[in-house]
Amino acid sequence: MIGKEELVDKIENTKLEKKKDTGDSYEKNIYLDDDLILIIGYNLEENFEDIDKGEESVKNYYWYWEIRNSQSWEVIFENHDKDYSFCESNVGEWSDNDRVEDIVGDIAEEDVCKWSEQDWIDDISDNIADEVLTWLKNE
């Protein structure tokens, strides 16, 4: 069985790729052995509000992970609980990546998103590894 340190390293260093035919969703595939694949990704949470182009809007994303049989694609374990999420702010054409805070001032994302600082996989990789290793022990 894979050790925690090696699993954390794979979680942090495997590249996220945009999912085909989806909106703003990304995932990474980590082969645990010949039959098991760990899929880690994040999805954009659906928003039902109208967005005014000149106003600040916040997109919420949530992390998920699951273990699947790599041959049949059957889900063996999954966590889609939305316990780990993060936000991205936009004002018009400006986003967090453009340093929107430099333009409109400080944005209090923590008021919108309970885990807004977890947009980097490194922030939650230990938690994911612990849960995955527990799943593998109980398999």
C-alpha atoms as a PDB file:
ATOM      1  CA  MET A   1       0.000   0.000   0.000  1.00  0.00           C
ATOM      2  CA  ILE A   2       1.162   3.536  -0.742  1.00  0.00           C
ATOM      3  CA  GLY A   3       2.554   5.533   2.196  1.00  0.00           C
ATOM      4  CA  LYS A   4       1.184   8.886   3.309  1.00  0.00           C
ATOM      5  CA  GLU A   5       4.259  10.912   2.328  1.00  0.00           C
ATOM      6  CA  GLU A   6       4.290   9.470  -1.200  1.00  0.00           C
ATOM      7  CA  LEU A   7       0.529   9.989  -1.565  1.00  0.00           C
ATOM      8  CA  VAL A   8       0.738  13.623  -0.403  1.00  0.00           C
ATOM      9  CA  ASP A   9       3.559  14.191  -2.898  1.00  0.00           C
ATOM     10  CA  LYS A  10       1.447  12.749  -5.744  1.00  0.00           C
ATOM     11  CA  ILE A  11      -1.602  14.784  -4.676  1.00  0.00           C
ATOM     12  CA  GLU A  12       0.399  18.008  -4.649  1.00  0.00           C
ATOM     13  CA  ASN A  13       2.462  17.435  -7.780  1.00  0.00           C
ATOM     14  CA  THR A  14       0.106  15.751 -10.233  1.00  0.00           C
ATOM     15  CA  LYS A  15      -1.183  18.360 -12.660  1.00  0.00           C
ATOM     16  CA  LEU A  16      -4.847  19.372 -12.673  1.00  0.00           C
ATOM     17  CA  GLU A  17      -6.440  19.211 -16.110  1.00  0.00           C
ATOM     18  CA  LYS A  18      -9.638  20.822 -17.348  1.00  0.00           C
ATOM     19  CA  LYS A  19     -12.446  18.282 -17.641  1.00  0.00           C
ATOM     20  CA  LYS A  20     -13.765  17.923 -21.167  1.00  0.00           C
ATOM     21  CA  ASP A  21     -17.299  19.127 -21.914  1.00  0.00           C
ATOM     22  CA  THR A  22     -17.686  20.863 -18.562  1.00  0.00           C
ATOM     23  CA  GLY A  23     -17.665  24.449 -17.428  1.00  0.00           C
ATOM     24  CA  ASP A  24     -15.116  25.440 -14.845  1.00  0.00           C
ATOM     25  CA  SER A  25     -14.080  21.988 -13.560  1.00  0.00           C
ATOM     26  CA  TYR A  26     -10.643  20.470 -13.195  1.00  0.00           C
ATOM     27  CA  GLU A  27      -9.321  17.134 -11.940  1.00  0.00           C
ATOM     28  CA  LYS A  28      -6.215  14.999 -11.633  1.00  0.00           C
ATOM     29  CA  ASN A  29      -5.868  11.224 -11.836  1.00  0.00           C
ATOM     30  CA  ILE A  30      -3.456   9.354  -9.577  1.00  0.00           C
ATOM     31  CA  TYR A  31      -3.032   5.624 -10.116  1.00  0.00           C
ATOM     32  CA  LEU A  32      -2.723   3.907  -6.742  1.00  0.00           C
ATOM     33  CA  ASP A  33      -2.143   0.496  -8.333  1.00  0.00           C
ATOM     34  CA  ASP A  34      -3.223  -1.395 -11.453  1.00  0.00           C
ATOM     35  CA  ASP A  35      -6.874  -1.485 -10.383  1.00  0.00           C
ATOM     36  CA  LEU A  36      -7.404   1.707  -8.354  1.00  0.00           C
ATOM     37  CA  ILE A  37      -7.355   5.334  -9.422  1.00  0.00           C
ATOM     38  CA  LEU A  38      -7.703   8.349  -7.140  1.00  0.00           C
ATOM     39  CA  ILE A  39      -9.475  11.259  -8.799  1.00  0.00           C
ATOM     40  CA  ILE A  40      -9.174  14.682  -7.179  1.00  0.00           C
ATOM     41  CA  GLY A  41     -10.819  17.740  -8.608  1.00  0.00           C
ATOM     42  CA  TYR A  42     -12.912  20.808  -8.103  1.00  0.00           C
ATOM     43  CA  ASN A  43     -16.170  22.029  -9.583  1.00  0.00           C
ATOM     44  CA  LEU A  44     -17.785  25.403  -9.869  1.00  0.00           C
ATOM     45  CA  GLU A  45     -20.810  25.534  -7.615  1.00  0.00           C
ATOM     46  CA  GLU A  46     -23.971  26.450  -9.456  1.00  0.00           C
ATOM     47  CA  ASN A  47     -25.024  30.077  -9.047  1.00  0.00           C
ATOM     48  CA  PHE A  48     -28.659  31.082  -9.425  1.00  0.00           C
ATOM     49  CA  GLU A  49     -28.192  34.833  -8.963  1.00  0.00           C
ATOM     50  CA  ASP A  50     -28.090  37.370 -11.757  1.00  0.00           C
ATOM     51  CA  ILE A  51     -24.641  38.900 -12.000  1.00  0.00           C
ATOM     52  CA  ASP A  52     -24.367  42.637 -12.626  1.00  0.00           C
ATOM     53  CA  LYS A  53     -21.364  43.177 -14.900  1.00  0.00           C
ATOM     54  CA  GLY A  54     -20.010  46.132 -12.892  1.00  0.00           C
ATOM     55  CA  GLU A  55     -20.540  44.595  -9.445  1.00  0.00           C
ATOM     56  CA  GLU A  56     -18.295  42.210  -7.586  1.00  0.00           C
ATOM     57  CA  SER A  57     -19.289  38.589  -8.029  1.00  0.00           C
ATOM     58  CA  VAL A  58     -17.875  35.592  -6.244  1.00  0.00           C
ATOM     59  CA  LYS A  59     -17.583  32.147  -7.784  1.00  0.00           C
ATOM     60  CA  ASN A  60     -17.566  29.279  -5.294  1.00  0.00           C
ATOM     61  CA  TYR A  61     -15.659  26.087  -6.042  1.00  0.00           C
ATOM     62  CA  TYR A  62     -15.539  22.874  -4.039  1.00  0.00           C
ATOM     63  CA  TRP A  63     -12.975  20.089  -3.909  1.00  0.00           C
ATOM     64  CA  TYR A  64     -13.934  16.423  -4.264  1.00  0.00           C
ATOM     65  CA  TRP A  65     -12.065  13.143  -4.413  1.00  0.00           C
ATOM     66  CA  GLU A  66     -12.958   9.556  -5.134  1.00  0.00           C
ATOM     67  CA  ILE A  67     -11.399   6.174  -5.666  1.00  0.00           C
ATOM     68  CA  ARG A  68     -12.553   4.229  -8.707  1.00  0.00           C
ATOM     69  CA  ASN A  69     -11.817   0.869 -10.204  1.00  0.00           C
ATOM     70  CA  SER A  70      -9.591   1.816 -13.143  1.00  0.00           C
ATOM     71  CA  GLN A  71     -10.992  -0.997 -15.316  1.00  0.00           C
ATOM     72  CA  SER A  72     -14.770  -0.745 -14.719  1.00  0.00           C
ATOM     73  CA  TRP A  73     -14.831   2.908 -13.530  1.00  0.00           C
ATOM     74  CA  GLU A  74     -17.008   1.818 -10.577  1.00  0.00           C
ATOM     75  CA  VAL A  75     -16.899   4.287  -7.671  1.00  0.00           C
ATOM     76  CA  ILE A  76     -15.465   2.536  -4.611  1.00  0.00           C
ATOM     77  CA  PHE A  77     -15.189   5.510  -2.228  1.00  0.00           C
ATOM     78  CA  GLU A  78     -16.079   9.164  -2.692  1.00  0.00           C
ATOM     79  CA  ASN A  79     -16.131  12.477  -0.891  1.00  0.00           C
ATOM     80  CA  HIS A  80     -18.311  15.103  -2.545  1.00  0.00           C
ATOM     81  CA  ASP A  81     -19.265  16.680   0.799  1.00  0.00           C
ATOM     82  CA  LYS A  82     -18.156  20.195  -0.193  1.00  0.00           C
ATOM     83  CA  ASP A  83     -16.236  20.469   3.103  1.00  0.00           C
ATOM     84  CA  TYR A  84     -13.349  22.161   1.331  1.00  0.00           C
ATOM     85  CA  SER A  85     -14.176  25.078  -0.894  1.00  0.00           C
ATOM     86  CA  PHE A  86     -12.678  28.286  -2.143  1.00  0.00           C
ATOM     87  CA  CYS A  87     -13.800  31.474  -3.816  1.00  0.00           C
ATOM     88  CA  GLU A  88     -12.695  33.622  -6.700  1.00  0.00           C
ATOM     89  CA  SER A  89     -13.786  37.242  -7.011  1.00  0.00           C
ATOM     90  CA  ASN A  90     -14.567  39.041 -10.231  1.00  0.00           C
ATOM     91  CA  VAL A  91     -15.440  42.648 -10.932  1.00  0.00           C
ATOM     92  CA  GLY A  92     -16.344  43.167 -14.571  1.00  0.00           C
ATOM     93  CA  GLU A  93     -13.426  41.830 -16.581  1.00  0.00           C
ATOM     94  CA  TRP A  94     -11.074  41.784 -13.557  1.00  0.00           C
ATOM     95  CA  SER A  95     -10.554  38.622 -11.492  1.00  0.00           C
ATOM     96  CA  ASP A  96      -8.428  37.526  -8.542  1.00  0.00           C
ATOM     97  CA  ASN A  97      -5.740  36.583 -11.044  1.00  0.00           C
ATOM     98  CA  ASP A  98      -5.632  40.214 -12.202  1.00  0.00           C
ATOM     99  CA  ARG A  99      -5.317  41.429  -8.604  1.00  0.00           C
ATOM    100  CA  VAL A 100      -8.853  42.810  -8.505  1.00  0.00           C
ATOM    101  CA  GLU A 101      -8.133  43.926  -4.938  1.00  0.00           C
ATOM    102  CA  ASP A 102      -5.617  46.419  -6.318  1.00  0.00           C
ATOM    103  CA  ILE A 103      -8.435  47.983  -8.315  1.00  0.00           C
ATOM    104  CA  VAL A 104     -11.448  47.909  -5.986  1.00  0.00           C
ATOM    105  CA  GLY A 105      -9.854  47.521  -2.563  1.00  0.00           C
ATOM    106  CA  ASP A 106      -9.827  44.608  -0.137  1.00  0.00           C
ATOM    107  CA  ILE A 107     -12.375  41.861  -0.802  1.00  0.00           C
ATOM    108  CA  ALA A 108     -13.646  39.995   2.252  1.00  0.00           C
ATOM    109  CA  GLU A 109     -13.936  36.554   0.648  1.00  0.00           C
ATOM    110  CA  GLU A 110     -13.931  34.862   4.052  1.00  0.00           C
ATOM    111  CA  ASP A 111     -17.409  36.312   4.599  1.00  0.00           C
ATOM    112  CA  VAL A 112     -18.638  34.420   1.546  1.00  0.00           C
ATOM    113  CA  CYS A 113     -16.636  31.207   1.659  1.00  0.00           C
ATOM    114  CA  LYS A 114     -15.779  29.353   4.846  1.00  0.00           C
ATOM    115  CA  TRP A 115     -12.548  27.885   3.425  1.00  0.00           C
ATOM    116  CA  SER A 116     -11.575  30.567   0.936  1.00  0.00           C
ATOM    117  CA  GLU A 117      -7.863  29.988   1.477  1.00  0.00           C
ATOM    118  CA  GLN A 118      -7.993  26.382   0.244  1.00  0.00           C
ATOM    119  CA  ASP A 119      -7.640  27.062  -3.450  1.00  0.00           C
ATOM    120  CA  TRP A 120      -4.221  25.376  -3.471  1.00  0.00           C
ATOM    121  CA  ILE A 121      -4.227  21.592  -3.223  1.00  0.00           C
ATOM    122  CA  ASP A 122      -1.296  21.859  -0.778  1.00  0.00           C
ATOM    123  CA  ASP A 123      -3.733  23.355   1.752  1.00  0.00           C
ATOM    124  CA  ILE A 124      -5.756  20.144   1.976  1.00  0.00           C
ATOM    125  CA  SER A 125      -3.461  17.370   0.697  1.00  0.00           C
ATOM    126  CA  ASP A 126      -2.840  15.908   4.183  1.00  0.00           C
ATOM    127  CA  ASN A 127      -6.588  15.683   4.828  1.00  0.00           C
ATOM    128  CA  ILE A 128      -7.202  13.981   1.492  1.00  0.00           C
ATOM    129  CA  ALA A 129      -4.326  11.530   2.044  1.00  0.00           C
ATOM    130  CA  ASP A 130      -5.589  10.618   5.531  1.00  0.00           C
ATOM    131  CA  GLU A 131      -9.080   9.869   4.234  1.00  0.00           C
ATOM    132  CA  VAL A 132      -7.829   7.921   1.203  1.00  0.00           C
ATOM    133  CA  LEU A 133      -5.502   5.802   3.339  1.00  0.00           C
ATOM    134  CA  THR A 134      -8.387   5.051   5.737  1.00  0.00           C
ATOM    135  CA  TRP A 135     -10.521   3.981   2.769  1.00  0.00           C
ATOM    136  CA  LEU A 136      -7.750   1.733   1.460  1.00  0.00           C
ATOM    137  CA  LYS A 137      -7.269   0.102   4.876  1.00  0.00           C
ATOM    138  CA  ASN A 138     -11.002  -0.671   5.085  1.00  0.00           C
ATOM    139  CA  GLU A 139     -11.282  -1.972   1.529  1.00  0.00           C
END
